[in-house]
């Protein structure tokens, strides 16, 4: 799970939203409610409240001071900082309320920014030293979390780092737009904000900071410990988990680190408090075979460590992903029966282990597949008791994983019982994450699971009762929403989706019009673009016949013509996509004005990708050049094409895996985006050189694919899993392969395209979305058929449309779909309802529906049916299949 999503769930029960509004809520600090002092300006900057004395000019970058604080001393620390800075006219900003501070120090907060409560902006190094000395004396001895990115001043809560004061942006070597500082030669370079202190090469550390740097990392050396730290297993803001060896005994151990005042859970407990509780619970459970043995605990450099037995085995989540048969294109009855036998046994063993823990008066509090180890002999061990508690205390759950978090009303052992019920359902249909949005989904999912797998009659009934809090059973459950793959079903689905989308619009907000993914808040202007913003939603509504919405179009025009500094430029993540949609909607003059704005930015330095880079920008410039006949736009498109071609390299210029520390494969971020650009440029110019370049780019992406041995499906290889999806998986590559094959025959590409089509025929995908889910599969399969006929001509398309009902949630009298991680609804194109609408339109609408620049290939030239061509590929493997629920 991507832990970033949790904090975006706190503001709204239905939609992802920014974690806090400055100064809002009942936990605001008194200073957040005050007007600015006379002669000062007060502004809101993301989660911060900034105060700056009028008439005082600050440098654009320099040494800044960060002040950390705990929840219980933050108000006093802020009072001290305010009373120090205001009389001296020193600019500063602060987190405005206790809730925002808790989020900044939460267990899965960003380790490069965690701990920062106040930022002070000295005008120069002389003022820096004076503030550190004077304010440091006032705050000396106050507790606060250690700020990993900074250098600590003395023994108090003050830290320093060199970085940007003003908002400036640059394009990194990887082609990403990032916050910037100016280097020694006057160039803008990324302002690196990682979990370790570093001084830029061109900056000299002030002499008064040198003694503090020398003290950094003091304390007893690791070499003095009786343990060898061998590898990091996991990091969070609360500390790391390491595999190691006890040098005295040779025992393999796990060492769990806890940082004081950091890694907070919603109940306010820090990592040290939770570790202390885990130690107490392990002591009480000593002797049980179903929990790790406790070996030791110690303190090192102010950090606390717990030493536990290292269990030999595999996480249940990993075993599940390896074994789950519905990700196969053609899982037969033997496969589902064999899996069901294993899953029934595993759940029974886990339930008995939980019973043994409960018999000792302990509640686990965080039971989930990643916290269960299955030994080679099949026995299970319950690990990571960080959330455990004494049953007698009747505590609510403080830690919980997506799909296994109990309702707030449950306490004590009922929390674990709820998680066991989730696990029972998860092992057969791993969509329990939907239960946060729609608890009634439990009955619908259980009914489908019982229909798919040979389980005993009534097997899910008790789980459904626990999960819904009602007396219903799986067998008597309502069928839930249905999506019919015919004309009547299409009209009903379109109306229901459009009703929900329009009901959730927020034209009164400046940051977004339609709720979508958390990417809306990741960069300035994130609520505008094609993938996650208003442009993509308005595009999907129009091309599927769900109507034009002039008021919402005007909202988009106003904000795109006056974008925030740092707004991205790309086709799917930024202003080029907005321009494309506005032109599609008939607002050409406004679209051209947006293109003029983009032309003045550093677009030439962007990466070559389709989502936010030169391939998408080049395609859009070509579109406008063709539409307007403007030579300057055609020249700019040619520049983009030439730049992408110059960076391409040969087919073997990329590694054989995608992602991680390597460039991504796929349509949005891989070489298939450049291939699409070269194809369209070939169609524009007739120059076969660009068809050759497209072939090379496609070979780069196919180099990062593998053929699954068990079912002949081709997916992108990420080393630890394989991915079929439209954005960074094989299906997106397949779209461009089909377009290439419309121009030039290629036996290897034809075979690959057939194997990729099989990737779209699986019976289970974790999410419904267009970029990373089932909707993308429907779009891909539908391209081979005339408009409105895909479900009629291909039964698999009809089946996939029906399977979308698994995810559908009633909203505002219509239907909506959850976004990434399934925790909240999303309406955007990439992850939510607009993308589902577009995919359904591609299959069922009587006019062609497509993504920009991806019209279906000419009839009869999209390659043979997926079952008719052998796939003689060299690279095959049995590595983990797609999805990691």
Foldseek 3Di string as FASTA:
>chain_A
DPVVQPLQCPPDLFFRDQNDDQPDDPFFQPVSVDDAPPQWDWDDDRQKIKIAGPPDDADQWFKKKFFFAFLVCLNVLVVLVCVVCPVVRWIKMFRGGSSVLCQLQAFAHALLRRRGGMMTGDRDVVSVVVCCVVSCVVFPPHDGFDRQAFQDDDRGRMTMAIFGPHFDWDQALQQDIAGWDAAPVRDTYHGDRHRHYDDDPRDDDDPVCVVSVVCPPDWDDPVPDQKDFDAWDDGTSQGTKTWIARNVPRATKIKTKGTPSGNQFPVSDGRVVLVVQVVVLLVLVPPDPQAWHWDDWDDTPRMIITITHDAAAAQQLQVLLLQPQLLALDDDQVSQAVLVVLLVLLLVLVVVSQVSSVVSQKAQLEDDRRQWGQHPVRHIHGYDSSQMDGLVVFDARRDYDQLLHDPRVHTGNLSVVLNSLSSSLCSQANQSSQCSVPLLLLLLSVLVSVVRHPDDPQPNAVSNCSSNVDNDGSVPRDNFDFQFLAQVSLVQQLVQLLLQQVVQADLVDLQAGGRFDPQSVVWFNQQQFCFAHDLVLQQLCVVLVVDHDVVSLVSNLVDLLVTDPGAADACGRGLLVNLVSCVVVPNNVSSVSSVVVVVPDPQLSGDLFRRRHLLVQLLSLVVVCVVPVDVVSVVVSVSSLVSNLVPQDFLPPFDQAADDPGFFPARGGALQSNLLSLLVVCVVPVDCVSLVVSVRSLSNRQSQWAAAPPHRAIWGHNPQETALFHGRMVLVSLLSLLQSQLPPDDQQSLLNNLNSLSSLSRSDANFPACGGHNLVSLLSQLLQDAFACSVVVDVSSSSSSRVSSSAWDRGSNHTKGCFPSSSHTRSHCGTISSVSSQSSRSHGPNHHGDDPSRHRRPHPRRHDHSVPGHNPDDGYDSHRYDDSD
